[in-house]
N, C-alpha and C. Protein backbone atom coordinates (compact mmCIF):
# COMPACT_ATOMS: atom_id res chain seq x y z
N UNK A 1 24.51 0.38 -5.11
CA UNK A 1 23.83 1.45 -5.84
C UNK A 1 24.30 2.83 -5.37
N UNK A 2 24.64 2.93 -4.08
CA UNK A 2 25.20 4.20 -3.59
C UNK A 2 26.54 4.48 -4.26
N UNK A 3 27.33 3.43 -4.45
CA UNK A 3 28.61 3.59 -5.14
C UNK A 3 28.38 3.94 -6.60
N UNK A 4 27.35 3.37 -7.21
CA UNK A 4 27.01 3.74 -8.59
C UNK A 4 26.70 5.23 -8.67
N UNK A 5 25.98 5.73 -7.67
CA UNK A 5 25.65 7.16 -7.64
C UNK A 5 26.90 8.01 -7.52
N UNK A 6 27.82 7.58 -6.67
CA UNK A 6 29.08 8.32 -6.52
C UNK A 6 29.85 8.34 -7.84
N UNK A 7 29.91 7.20 -8.51
CA UNK A 7 30.63 7.15 -9.78
C UNK A 7 29.93 7.98 -10.85
N UNK A 8 28.60 8.05 -10.80
CA UNK A 8 27.87 8.90 -11.74
C UNK A 8 28.23 10.36 -11.51
N UNK A 9 28.31 10.78 -10.25
CA UNK A 9 28.74 12.14 -9.96
C UNK A 9 30.14 12.40 -10.52
N UNK A 10 31.02 11.42 -10.36
CA UNK A 10 32.38 11.55 -10.91
C UNK A 10 32.32 11.72 -12.42
N UNK A 11 31.53 10.89 -13.08
CA UNK A 11 31.43 10.92 -14.53
C UNK A 11 30.89 12.26 -15.02
N UNK A 12 29.95 12.82 -14.28
CA UNK A 12 29.35 14.10 -14.67
C UNK A 12 30.19 15.29 -14.22
N UNK A 13 31.25 15.01 -13.48
CA UNK A 13 32.10 16.10 -13.00
C UNK A 13 31.48 16.91 -11.89
N UNK A 14 30.63 16.28 -11.10
CA UNK A 14 29.96 16.97 -10.00
C UNK A 14 30.62 16.58 -8.69
N UNK A 15 31.20 17.55 -8.02
CA UNK A 15 31.91 17.27 -6.77
C UNK A 15 30.94 17.09 -5.61
N UNK A 16 29.95 17.99 -5.52
CA UNK A 16 28.97 17.93 -4.43
C UNK A 16 27.59 18.19 -5.02
N UNK A 17 26.57 17.57 -4.41
CA UNK A 17 25.22 17.73 -4.94
C UNK A 17 24.19 17.68 -3.83
N UNK A 18 23.03 18.24 -4.10
CA UNK A 18 21.87 18.10 -3.22
C UNK A 18 21.19 16.79 -3.62
N UNK A 19 21.00 15.89 -2.69
CA UNK A 19 20.40 14.59 -2.98
C UNK A 19 18.96 14.54 -2.51
N UNK A 20 18.08 14.04 -3.37
CA UNK A 20 16.69 13.79 -3.02
C UNK A 20 16.39 12.35 -3.41
N UNK A 21 15.98 11.54 -2.44
CA UNK A 21 15.70 10.14 -2.72
C UNK A 21 14.39 9.71 -2.12
N UNK A 22 13.67 8.85 -2.84
CA UNK A 22 12.36 8.37 -2.38
C UNK A 22 12.37 6.85 -2.26
N UNK A 23 11.82 6.35 -1.16
CA UNK A 23 11.75 4.92 -0.87
C UNK A 23 13.15 4.30 -0.98
N UNK A 24 13.38 3.40 -1.94
CA UNK A 24 14.70 2.80 -2.09
C UNK A 24 15.73 3.87 -2.47
N UNK A 25 15.31 4.85 -3.24
CA UNK A 25 16.20 5.95 -3.58
C UNK A 25 16.63 6.73 -2.35
N UNK A 26 15.71 6.82 -1.37
CA UNK A 26 16.06 7.47 -0.12
C UNK A 26 17.11 6.69 0.63
N UNK A 27 17.02 5.38 0.58
CA UNK A 27 18.00 4.53 1.25
C UNK A 27 19.36 4.66 0.59
N UNK A 28 19.37 4.74 -0.74
CA UNK A 28 20.62 4.93 -1.48
C UNK A 28 21.23 6.29 -1.13
N UNK A 29 20.40 7.34 -1.10
CA UNK A 29 20.88 8.67 -0.77
C UNK A 29 21.41 8.72 0.66
N UNK A 30 20.73 8.06 1.59
CA UNK A 30 21.20 8.01 2.97
C UNK A 30 22.59 7.37 3.06
N UNK A 31 22.77 6.27 2.34
CA UNK A 31 24.04 5.56 2.36
C UNK A 31 25.16 6.41 1.79
N UNK A 32 24.90 7.08 0.68
CA UNK A 32 25.91 7.94 0.08
C UNK A 32 26.28 9.08 1.02
N UNK A 33 25.27 9.68 1.65
CA UNK A 33 25.52 10.80 2.56
C UNK A 33 26.33 10.38 3.78
N UNK A 34 26.15 9.12 4.20
CA UNK A 34 26.88 8.63 5.36
C UNK A 34 28.30 8.20 5.02
N UNK A 35 28.48 7.57 3.88
CA UNK A 35 29.79 7.01 3.52
C UNK A 35 30.68 7.98 2.75
N UNK A 36 30.06 8.94 2.07
CA UNK A 36 30.82 9.93 1.30
C UNK A 36 30.27 11.33 1.58
N UNK A 37 30.36 11.77 2.82
CA UNK A 37 29.74 13.04 3.22
C UNK A 37 30.24 14.25 2.45
N UNK A 38 31.47 14.18 1.94
CA UNK A 38 32.02 15.32 1.21
C UNK A 38 31.37 15.49 -0.16
N UNK A 39 30.55 14.52 -0.60
CA UNK A 39 29.89 14.62 -1.89
C UNK A 39 28.46 15.14 -1.79
N UNK A 40 27.96 15.28 -0.56
CA UNK A 40 26.54 15.61 -0.36
C UNK A 40 26.39 16.96 0.35
N UNK A 41 25.75 17.90 -0.31
CA UNK A 41 25.53 19.22 0.28
C UNK A 41 24.32 19.20 1.20
N UNK A 42 23.21 18.64 0.72
CA UNK A 42 22.01 18.45 1.56
C UNK A 42 21.38 17.13 1.18
N UNK A 43 20.54 16.62 2.09
CA UNK A 43 19.86 15.35 1.86
C UNK A 43 18.38 15.51 2.14
N UNK A 44 17.55 15.03 1.20
CA UNK A 44 16.11 14.96 1.41
C UNK A 44 15.69 13.50 1.25
N UNK A 45 15.15 12.93 2.32
CA UNK A 45 14.72 11.53 2.33
C UNK A 45 13.20 11.50 2.37
N UNK A 46 12.59 10.92 1.34
CA UNK A 46 11.13 10.95 1.19
C UNK A 46 10.53 9.55 1.31
N UNK A 47 9.52 9.40 2.14
CA UNK A 47 8.87 8.14 2.50
C UNK A 47 9.83 6.95 2.43
N UNK A 48 10.93 7.11 3.16
CA UNK A 48 11.93 6.05 3.25
C UNK A 48 12.06 5.62 4.72
N UNK A 49 13.08 4.81 5.03
CA UNK A 49 13.24 4.31 6.38
C UNK A 49 14.69 3.98 6.66
N UNK A 50 14.97 3.52 7.86
CA UNK A 50 16.34 3.27 8.29
C UNK A 50 16.85 1.88 7.93
N UNK A 51 15.97 0.99 7.58
CA UNK A 51 16.35 -0.40 7.34
C UNK A 51 16.13 -1.29 8.55
N UNK A 52 15.84 -0.68 9.69
CA UNK A 52 15.52 -1.47 10.88
C UNK A 52 14.18 -2.16 10.67
N UNK A 53 14.11 -3.42 11.03
CA UNK A 53 12.86 -4.17 10.86
C UNK A 53 11.81 -3.77 11.89
N UNK A 54 12.21 -2.95 12.86
CA UNK A 54 11.28 -2.52 13.89
C UNK A 54 10.41 -1.34 13.44
N UNK A 55 10.80 -0.70 12.36
CA UNK A 55 10.08 0.49 11.90
C UNK A 55 9.88 0.44 10.38
N UNK A 56 8.92 1.24 9.91
CA UNK A 56 8.74 1.43 8.48
C UNK A 56 8.25 0.22 7.70
N UNK A 57 7.66 -0.75 8.35
CA UNK A 57 7.23 -1.96 7.65
C UNK A 57 5.93 -1.73 6.87
N UNK A 58 5.80 -2.36 5.70
CA UNK A 58 4.57 -2.21 4.92
C UNK A 58 3.40 -2.92 5.57
N UNK A 59 2.21 -2.45 5.27
CA UNK A 59 1.00 -3.10 5.76
C UNK A 59 0.84 -4.46 5.08
N UNK A 60 0.20 -5.39 5.77
CA UNK A 60 -0.02 -6.72 5.20
C UNK A 60 -0.82 -6.62 3.91
N UNK A 61 -1.78 -5.72 3.86
CA UNK A 61 -2.60 -5.56 2.66
C UNK A 61 -1.75 -5.12 1.47
N UNK A 62 -0.69 -4.37 1.73
CA UNK A 62 0.21 -3.93 0.66
C UNK A 62 1.07 -5.10 0.19
N UNK A 63 1.57 -5.88 1.12
CA UNK A 63 2.39 -7.04 0.76
C UNK A 63 1.61 -8.02 -0.11
N UNK A 64 0.34 -8.21 0.22
CA UNK A 64 -0.51 -9.13 -0.55
C UNK A 64 -0.61 -8.64 -2.00
N UNK A 65 -0.82 -7.36 -2.18
CA UNK A 65 -0.94 -6.80 -3.53
C UNK A 65 0.37 -6.92 -4.30
N UNK A 66 1.49 -6.70 -3.64
CA UNK A 66 2.78 -6.75 -4.31
C UNK A 66 3.19 -8.17 -4.67
N UNK A 67 2.61 -9.16 -4.00
CA UNK A 67 2.97 -10.56 -4.23
C UNK A 67 2.23 -11.17 -5.42
N UNK A 68 1.31 -10.45 -6.01
CA UNK A 68 0.57 -10.98 -7.14
C UNK A 68 1.47 -11.16 -8.36
N UNK A 69 1.09 -12.05 -9.23
CA UNK A 69 1.89 -12.33 -10.42
C UNK A 69 2.04 -11.06 -11.26
N UNK A 70 3.14 -10.92 -11.98
CA UNK A 70 3.36 -9.73 -12.80
C UNK A 70 2.33 -9.60 -13.91
N UNK A 71 2.09 -8.39 -14.35
CA UNK A 71 1.18 -8.16 -15.47
C UNK A 71 1.74 -8.77 -16.74
N UNK A 72 0.85 -9.20 -17.64
CA UNK A 72 1.28 -9.86 -18.87
C UNK A 72 1.01 -9.04 -20.12
N UNK A 73 0.25 -7.95 -19.99
CA UNK A 73 -0.05 -7.08 -21.13
C UNK A 73 0.06 -5.62 -20.70
N UNK A 74 0.23 -4.70 -21.66
CA UNK A 74 0.28 -3.27 -21.31
C UNK A 74 -0.97 -2.81 -20.58
N UNK A 75 -2.13 -3.30 -21.04
CA UNK A 75 -3.38 -2.89 -20.43
C UNK A 75 -3.46 -3.36 -18.98
N UNK A 76 -3.06 -4.60 -18.76
CA UNK A 76 -3.08 -5.14 -17.40
C UNK A 76 -2.11 -4.39 -16.51
N UNK A 77 -0.96 -4.00 -17.07
CA UNK A 77 0.03 -3.26 -16.30
C UNK A 77 -0.50 -1.92 -15.83
N UNK A 78 -1.18 -1.22 -16.73
CA UNK A 78 -1.77 0.08 -16.38
C UNK A 78 -2.85 -0.10 -15.32
N UNK A 79 -3.69 -1.12 -15.49
CA UNK A 79 -4.76 -1.39 -14.53
C UNK A 79 -4.18 -1.71 -13.16
N UNK A 80 -3.13 -2.52 -13.13
CA UNK A 80 -2.48 -2.88 -11.87
C UNK A 80 -1.91 -1.63 -11.18
N UNK A 81 -1.27 -0.78 -11.99
CA UNK A 81 -0.68 0.44 -11.42
C UNK A 81 -1.73 1.32 -10.78
N UNK A 82 -2.84 1.52 -11.47
CA UNK A 82 -3.90 2.38 -10.93
C UNK A 82 -4.53 1.76 -9.68
N UNK A 83 -4.66 0.44 -9.67
CA UNK A 83 -5.23 -0.23 -8.50
C UNK A 83 -4.31 -0.11 -7.29
N UNK A 84 -3.00 -0.30 -7.51
CA UNK A 84 -2.05 -0.16 -6.41
C UNK A 84 -2.00 1.28 -5.92
N UNK A 85 -2.09 2.22 -6.86
CA UNK A 85 -2.07 3.63 -6.49
C UNK A 85 -3.29 3.98 -5.64
N UNK A 86 -4.43 3.38 -5.94
CA UNK A 86 -5.63 3.63 -5.15
C UNK A 86 -5.44 3.14 -3.72
N UNK A 87 -4.58 2.13 -3.56
CA UNK A 87 -4.32 1.57 -2.23
C UNK A 87 -3.28 2.37 -1.47
N UNK A 88 -2.16 2.71 -2.11
CA UNK A 88 -1.06 3.37 -1.40
C UNK A 88 -1.12 4.89 -1.49
N UNK A 89 -2.00 5.40 -2.35
CA UNK A 89 -2.10 6.85 -2.51
C UNK A 89 -2.97 7.48 -1.43
N UNK A 90 -3.57 8.62 -1.76
CA UNK A 90 -4.30 9.39 -0.76
C UNK A 90 -5.53 10.05 -1.37
N UNK A 91 -6.60 10.07 -0.61
CA UNK A 91 -7.79 10.82 -1.03
C UNK A 91 -7.60 12.31 -0.82
N UNK A 92 -6.74 12.65 0.12
CA UNK A 92 -6.47 14.07 0.38
C UNK A 92 -5.68 14.68 -0.78
N UNK A 93 -4.75 13.89 -1.33
CA UNK A 93 -3.94 14.32 -2.46
C UNK A 93 -4.14 13.33 -3.61
N UNK A 94 -5.26 13.45 -4.33
CA UNK A 94 -5.57 12.47 -5.39
C UNK A 94 -4.59 12.58 -6.57
N UNK A 95 -4.34 11.46 -7.23
CA UNK A 95 -3.44 11.46 -8.37
C UNK A 95 -4.10 12.02 -9.62
N UNK A 96 -3.30 12.37 -10.58
CA UNK A 96 -3.77 12.77 -11.89
C UNK A 96 -3.86 11.48 -12.72
N UNK A 97 -5.07 10.95 -12.90
CA UNK A 97 -5.22 9.63 -13.51
C UNK A 97 -4.67 9.59 -14.94
N UNK A 98 -4.88 10.62 -15.71
CA UNK A 98 -4.37 10.63 -17.08
C UNK A 98 -2.85 10.57 -17.09
N UNK A 99 -2.25 11.32 -16.20
CA UNK A 99 -0.79 11.31 -16.09
C UNK A 99 -0.29 9.94 -15.65
N UNK A 100 -0.97 9.33 -14.71
CA UNK A 100 -0.54 8.01 -14.21
C UNK A 100 -0.70 6.94 -15.29
N UNK A 101 -1.76 7.02 -16.08
CA UNK A 101 -1.94 6.07 -17.17
C UNK A 101 -0.80 6.19 -18.18
N UNK A 102 -0.46 7.43 -18.52
CA UNK A 102 0.62 7.66 -19.48
C UNK A 102 1.95 7.15 -18.92
N UNK A 103 2.18 7.41 -17.63
CA UNK A 103 3.43 6.96 -17.00
C UNK A 103 3.54 5.44 -17.01
N UNK A 104 2.46 4.77 -16.61
CA UNK A 104 2.48 3.31 -16.55
C UNK A 104 2.68 2.70 -17.94
N UNK A 105 2.06 3.31 -18.94
CA UNK A 105 2.25 2.82 -20.30
C UNK A 105 3.67 2.99 -20.78
N UNK A 106 4.27 4.14 -20.42
CA UNK A 106 5.65 4.39 -20.83
C UNK A 106 6.62 3.43 -20.14
N UNK A 107 6.34 3.09 -18.89
CA UNK A 107 7.18 2.14 -18.17
C UNK A 107 7.16 0.78 -18.86
N UNK A 108 5.98 0.35 -19.28
CA UNK A 108 5.86 -0.93 -19.98
C UNK A 108 6.67 -0.91 -21.28
N UNK A 109 6.57 0.17 -22.03
CA UNK A 109 7.26 0.26 -23.32
C UNK A 109 8.78 0.36 -23.14
N UNK A 110 9.20 1.01 -22.07
CA UNK A 110 10.64 1.21 -21.86
C UNK A 110 11.34 -0.09 -21.52
N UNK A 111 10.64 -0.96 -20.85
CA UNK A 111 11.25 -2.23 -20.48
C UNK A 111 10.64 -2.75 -19.20
N UNK A 112 10.53 -4.07 -19.09
CA UNK A 112 9.93 -4.65 -17.91
C UNK A 112 10.71 -5.89 -17.50
N UNK A 113 10.67 -6.18 -16.23
CA UNK A 113 11.33 -7.36 -15.68
C UNK A 113 10.35 -8.00 -14.70
N UNK A 114 9.84 -9.18 -15.02
CA UNK A 114 8.87 -9.83 -14.14
C UNK A 114 9.39 -10.02 -12.72
N UNK A 115 10.71 -10.05 -12.56
CA UNK A 115 11.30 -10.26 -11.25
C UNK A 115 11.74 -8.95 -10.60
N UNK A 116 11.41 -7.85 -11.25
CA UNK A 116 11.91 -6.56 -10.78
C UNK A 116 11.51 -6.21 -9.36
N UNK A 117 10.23 -6.38 -9.03
CA UNK A 117 9.75 -6.04 -7.70
C UNK A 117 10.43 -6.90 -6.64
N UNK A 118 10.53 -8.21 -6.92
CA UNK A 118 11.17 -9.11 -5.97
C UNK A 118 12.63 -8.75 -5.76
N UNK A 119 13.30 -8.35 -6.83
CA UNK A 119 14.71 -7.97 -6.71
C UNK A 119 14.87 -6.68 -5.92
N UNK A 120 13.94 -5.75 -6.11
CA UNK A 120 14.00 -4.50 -5.35
C UNK A 120 13.82 -4.78 -3.85
N UNK A 121 12.84 -5.60 -3.53
CA UNK A 121 12.60 -5.93 -2.12
C UNK A 121 13.81 -6.66 -1.55
N UNK A 122 14.40 -7.56 -2.34
CA UNK A 122 15.58 -8.27 -1.89
C UNK A 122 16.75 -7.35 -1.62
N UNK A 123 16.93 -6.35 -2.48
CA UNK A 123 18.01 -5.38 -2.29
C UNK A 123 17.79 -4.56 -1.02
N UNK A 124 16.55 -4.17 -0.78
CA UNK A 124 16.23 -3.39 0.42
C UNK A 124 16.51 -4.21 1.68
N UNK A 125 16.10 -5.45 1.66
CA UNK A 125 16.33 -6.31 2.83
C UNK A 125 17.82 -6.57 3.05
N UNK A 126 18.56 -6.75 1.95
CA UNK A 126 19.99 -7.05 2.05
C UNK A 126 20.81 -5.86 2.55
N UNK A 127 20.26 -4.65 2.40
CA UNK A 127 21.01 -3.46 2.81
C UNK A 127 21.13 -3.36 4.32
N UNK A 128 20.24 -4.00 5.05
CA UNK A 128 20.35 -4.03 6.50
C UNK A 128 19.93 -2.74 7.19
N UNK A 129 20.25 -2.66 8.46
CA UNK A 129 19.88 -1.52 9.31
C UNK A 129 20.95 -0.44 9.20
N UNK A 130 20.55 0.75 8.71
CA UNK A 130 21.49 1.86 8.52
C UNK A 130 21.50 2.85 9.69
N UNK A 131 20.83 2.56 10.77
CA UNK A 131 20.67 3.52 11.86
C UNK A 131 22.01 4.07 12.34
N UNK A 132 22.98 3.20 12.56
CA UNK A 132 24.30 3.65 13.04
C UNK A 132 24.96 4.55 12.01
N UNK A 133 24.84 4.22 10.74
CA UNK A 133 25.43 5.05 9.69
C UNK A 133 24.75 6.41 9.62
N UNK A 134 23.44 6.42 9.79
CA UNK A 134 22.71 7.68 9.70
C UNK A 134 23.20 8.69 10.74
N UNK A 135 23.66 8.21 11.85
CA UNK A 135 24.14 9.11 12.91
C UNK A 135 25.42 9.84 12.51
N UNK A 136 26.05 9.39 11.42
CA UNK A 136 27.29 10.02 10.97
C UNK A 136 27.07 11.01 9.83
N UNK A 137 25.83 11.22 9.44
CA UNK A 137 25.55 12.13 8.32
C UNK A 137 25.66 13.58 8.80
N UNK A 138 26.56 14.37 8.20
CA UNK A 138 26.69 15.77 8.60
C UNK A 138 25.84 16.72 7.76
N UNK A 139 25.34 16.25 6.61
CA UNK A 139 24.61 17.13 5.70
C UNK A 139 23.28 17.58 6.30
N UNK A 140 22.92 18.85 6.10
CA UNK A 140 21.58 19.30 6.51
C UNK A 140 20.54 18.41 5.85
N UNK A 141 19.60 17.93 6.63
CA UNK A 141 18.67 16.89 6.15
C UNK A 141 17.23 17.22 6.49
N UNK A 142 16.35 16.95 5.53
CA UNK A 142 14.91 17.01 5.79
C UNK A 142 14.32 15.65 5.45
N UNK A 143 13.49 15.15 6.34
CA UNK A 143 12.85 13.84 6.17
C UNK A 143 11.35 14.08 5.98
N UNK A 144 10.82 13.64 4.86
CA UNK A 144 9.43 13.88 4.52
C UNK A 144 8.67 12.55 4.49
N UNK A 145 7.52 12.51 5.13
CA UNK A 145 6.72 11.29 5.16
C UNK A 145 5.25 11.67 5.28
N UNK A 146 4.38 10.77 4.86
CA UNK A 146 2.96 10.99 5.00
C UNK A 146 2.40 10.27 6.20
N UNK A 147 1.30 10.76 6.72
CA UNK A 147 0.67 10.10 7.86
C UNK A 147 -0.09 8.86 7.45
N UNK A 148 -0.39 8.74 6.14
CA UNK A 148 -1.12 7.58 5.63
C UNK A 148 -0.27 6.90 4.57
N UNK A 149 0.68 6.11 4.99
CA UNK A 149 1.58 5.44 4.06
C UNK A 149 1.57 3.94 4.34
N UNK A 150 0.82 3.16 3.55
CA UNK A 150 0.77 1.73 3.79
C UNK A 150 1.94 0.95 3.19
N UNK A 151 2.80 1.65 2.45
CA UNK A 151 3.98 1.01 1.88
C UNK A 151 5.16 1.07 2.84
N UNK A 152 5.41 2.26 3.40
CA UNK A 152 6.45 2.45 4.42
C UNK A 152 5.79 3.15 5.60
N UNK A 153 5.58 2.43 6.68
CA UNK A 153 4.89 3.00 7.83
C UNK A 153 5.58 4.29 8.28
N UNK A 154 4.82 5.32 8.69
CA UNK A 154 5.40 6.59 9.12
C UNK A 154 6.49 6.46 10.18
N UNK A 155 6.51 5.36 10.92
CA UNK A 155 7.56 5.16 11.92
C UNK A 155 8.94 5.13 11.27
N UNK A 156 8.99 4.75 9.98
CA UNK A 156 10.27 4.75 9.28
C UNK A 156 10.83 6.15 9.10
N UNK A 157 9.95 7.09 8.78
CA UNK A 157 10.39 8.48 8.64
C UNK A 157 10.80 9.06 9.98
N UNK A 158 10.03 8.75 11.02
CA UNK A 158 10.35 9.27 12.34
C UNK A 158 11.71 8.74 12.82
N UNK A 159 11.96 7.46 12.58
CA UNK A 159 13.24 6.87 12.99
C UNK A 159 14.40 7.46 12.20
N UNK A 160 14.18 7.74 10.93
CA UNK A 160 15.23 8.34 10.10
C UNK A 160 15.59 9.72 10.62
N UNK A 161 14.57 10.54 10.89
CA UNK A 161 14.81 11.89 11.39
C UNK A 161 15.48 11.86 12.76
N UNK A 162 15.12 10.89 13.58
CA UNK A 162 15.72 10.78 14.92
C UNK A 162 17.18 10.37 14.84
N UNK A 163 17.54 9.61 13.80
CA UNK A 163 18.91 9.12 13.69
C UNK A 163 19.88 10.14 13.09
N UNK A 164 19.42 10.93 12.14
CA UNK A 164 20.30 11.91 11.47
C UNK A 164 20.42 13.16 12.34
N UNK A 165 21.61 13.53 12.75
CA UNK A 165 21.78 14.69 13.63
C UNK A 165 21.19 15.97 13.03
N UNK A 166 20.31 16.61 13.78
CA UNK A 166 19.75 17.89 13.36
C UNK A 166 18.74 17.82 12.24
N UNK A 167 18.30 16.62 11.86
CA UNK A 167 17.36 16.49 10.74
C UNK A 167 16.02 17.12 11.06
N UNK A 168 15.40 17.70 10.04
CA UNK A 168 14.05 18.25 10.17
C UNK A 168 13.07 17.18 9.71
N UNK A 169 12.05 16.93 10.50
CA UNK A 169 11.04 15.93 10.16
C UNK A 169 9.76 16.62 9.76
N UNK A 170 9.31 16.36 8.53
CA UNK A 170 8.06 16.94 8.04
C UNK A 170 7.11 15.80 7.73
N UNK A 171 6.04 15.69 8.50
CA UNK A 171 5.03 14.66 8.30
C UNK A 171 3.78 15.33 7.74
N UNK A 172 3.42 14.97 6.53
CA UNK A 172 2.31 15.62 5.84
C UNK A 172 1.01 14.85 6.07
N UNK A 173 0.06 15.51 6.69
CA UNK A 173 -1.21 14.88 7.02
C UNK A 173 -1.97 14.44 5.77
N UNK A 174 -2.35 13.17 5.74
CA UNK A 174 -3.12 12.65 4.62
C UNK A 174 -2.31 12.15 3.45
N UNK A 175 -1.02 12.41 3.44
CA UNK A 175 -0.17 11.98 2.32
C UNK A 175 0.05 10.47 2.39
N UNK A 176 -0.06 9.81 1.22
CA UNK A 176 0.21 8.39 1.14
C UNK A 176 1.60 8.15 0.57
N UNK A 177 1.75 7.03 -0.14
CA UNK A 177 3.04 6.69 -0.72
C UNK A 177 3.04 7.04 -2.20
N UNK A 178 2.85 8.33 -2.46
CA UNK A 178 2.75 8.77 -3.85
C UNK A 178 2.93 10.27 -3.91
N UNK A 179 3.63 10.73 -4.95
CA UNK A 179 3.82 12.17 -5.11
C UNK A 179 2.72 12.73 -6.02
N UNK A 180 1.56 12.91 -5.44
CA UNK A 180 0.45 13.53 -6.16
C UNK A 180 0.75 15.01 -6.36
N UNK A 181 0.04 15.68 -7.29
CA UNK A 181 0.33 17.08 -7.57
C UNK A 181 0.44 17.97 -6.34
N UNK A 182 -0.49 17.89 -5.41
CA UNK A 182 -0.43 18.75 -4.23
C UNK A 182 0.77 18.46 -3.36
N UNK A 183 1.15 17.19 -3.25
CA UNK A 183 2.32 16.81 -2.47
C UNK A 183 3.59 17.26 -3.16
N UNK A 184 3.63 17.11 -4.48
CA UNK A 184 4.82 17.46 -5.24
C UNK A 184 5.18 18.94 -5.06
N UNK A 185 4.19 19.80 -5.07
CA UNK A 185 4.43 21.23 -4.86
C UNK A 185 5.06 21.48 -3.49
N UNK A 186 4.55 20.78 -2.49
CA UNK A 186 5.10 20.93 -1.14
C UNK A 186 6.54 20.43 -1.07
N UNK A 187 6.80 19.31 -1.72
CA UNK A 187 8.15 18.74 -1.70
C UNK A 187 9.14 19.65 -2.41
N UNK A 188 8.75 20.21 -3.53
CA UNK A 188 9.62 21.14 -4.24
C UNK A 188 9.98 22.32 -3.35
N UNK A 189 8.99 22.83 -2.63
CA UNK A 189 9.25 23.95 -1.72
C UNK A 189 10.22 23.58 -0.61
N UNK A 190 10.05 22.41 -0.03
CA UNK A 190 10.92 21.97 1.06
C UNK A 190 12.36 21.79 0.60
N UNK A 191 12.53 21.11 -0.54
CA UNK A 191 13.89 20.86 -1.02
C UNK A 191 14.56 22.14 -1.51
N UNK A 192 13.77 23.02 -2.12
CA UNK A 192 14.34 24.29 -2.59
C UNK A 192 14.79 25.15 -1.42
N UNK A 193 13.97 25.23 -0.39
CA UNK A 193 14.35 26.01 0.79
C UNK A 193 15.61 25.45 1.44
N UNK A 194 15.70 24.12 1.50
CA UNK A 194 16.87 23.48 2.09
C UNK A 194 18.12 23.79 1.28
N UNK A 195 18.01 23.69 -0.04
CA UNK A 195 19.16 23.94 -0.92
C UNK A 195 19.60 25.40 -0.86
N UNK A 196 18.63 26.31 -0.87
CA UNK A 196 18.98 27.74 -0.83
C UNK A 196 19.67 28.12 0.47
N UNK A 197 19.34 27.41 1.53
CA UNK A 197 19.93 27.73 2.81
C UNK A 197 21.30 27.13 3.04
N UNK A 198 21.73 26.25 2.10
CA UNK A 198 22.99 25.55 2.33
C UNK A 198 23.82 25.43 1.06
N UNK A 199 24.14 26.53 0.45
CA UNK A 199 25.12 26.52 -0.63
C UNK A 199 24.53 26.34 -2.01
N UNK A 200 25.44 26.27 -2.98
CA UNK A 200 25.07 26.15 -4.38
C UNK A 200 24.51 24.77 -4.66
N UNK A 201 23.75 24.68 -5.75
CA UNK A 201 23.09 23.42 -6.08
C UNK A 201 24.08 22.30 -6.38
N UNK A 202 25.06 22.57 -7.24
CA UNK A 202 26.08 21.57 -7.54
C UNK A 202 27.42 22.28 -7.72
N UNK A 203 28.49 21.59 -7.45
CA UNK A 203 29.84 22.09 -7.73
C UNK A 203 30.47 21.15 -8.73
N UNK A 204 30.83 21.69 -9.89
CA UNK A 204 31.37 20.86 -10.95
C UNK A 204 32.90 20.88 -10.91
N UNK A 205 33.48 19.70 -10.88
CA UNK A 205 34.93 19.61 -10.76
C UNK A 205 35.64 20.03 -12.03
N UNK A 206 34.99 19.90 -13.19
CA UNK A 206 35.65 20.21 -14.44
C UNK A 206 35.69 21.71 -14.72
N UNK A 207 34.69 22.42 -14.25
CA UNK A 207 34.63 23.84 -14.57
C UNK A 207 34.93 24.71 -13.36
N UNK A 208 34.72 24.15 -12.16
CA UNK A 208 34.93 24.94 -10.97
C UNK A 208 33.84 25.97 -10.75
N UNK A 209 32.72 25.83 -11.45
CA UNK A 209 31.63 26.80 -11.33
C UNK A 209 30.47 26.21 -10.58
N UNK A 210 29.82 27.03 -9.78
CA UNK A 210 28.63 26.61 -9.04
C UNK A 210 27.42 26.96 -9.86
N UNK A 211 26.45 26.05 -9.87
CA UNK A 211 25.21 26.30 -10.62
C UNK A 211 24.04 26.25 -9.65
């Protein structure tokens, strides 16, 4: 998937970019930043981990919920999403329920794969421990994690920040495994500050112009 991202940048004519990845997306962004450092201007890793089995493991209560059979109707899918969000989210940063209902409904309509969750977990496990690779990342990096994350234990964020040279670690008190409105505003500020401090947003190979 990291190679897919690199090829997408090639297709779009983007030589370098600011990468922001969450959970599995964070793992993909970490891999790209380590293996193709010349393509990454900055890296933001959000509630992700290093791949080491010693850190960042989900709570047993979360694993039990994820192991349940897939939803069979749109209504059940929305109900399942809201129930899981109540578990992995945060009371400090509550979700916008109307927005979440609309999102879950759109996901069902766009396409579903009963084996999707299992395949995602399998891909994460197969990627292995990236700790050694993370030590080779030269891009300015910020690692964001919540203190209340039952999906990826906060130790995963701490280990990521410790592995990437010079990384900034931001642990948000009360944040769960969800980008609620209050968290989203904070994340936008962090990534924007990082990008502004380290060059243009993207460099396009076809035009030679920075945007």
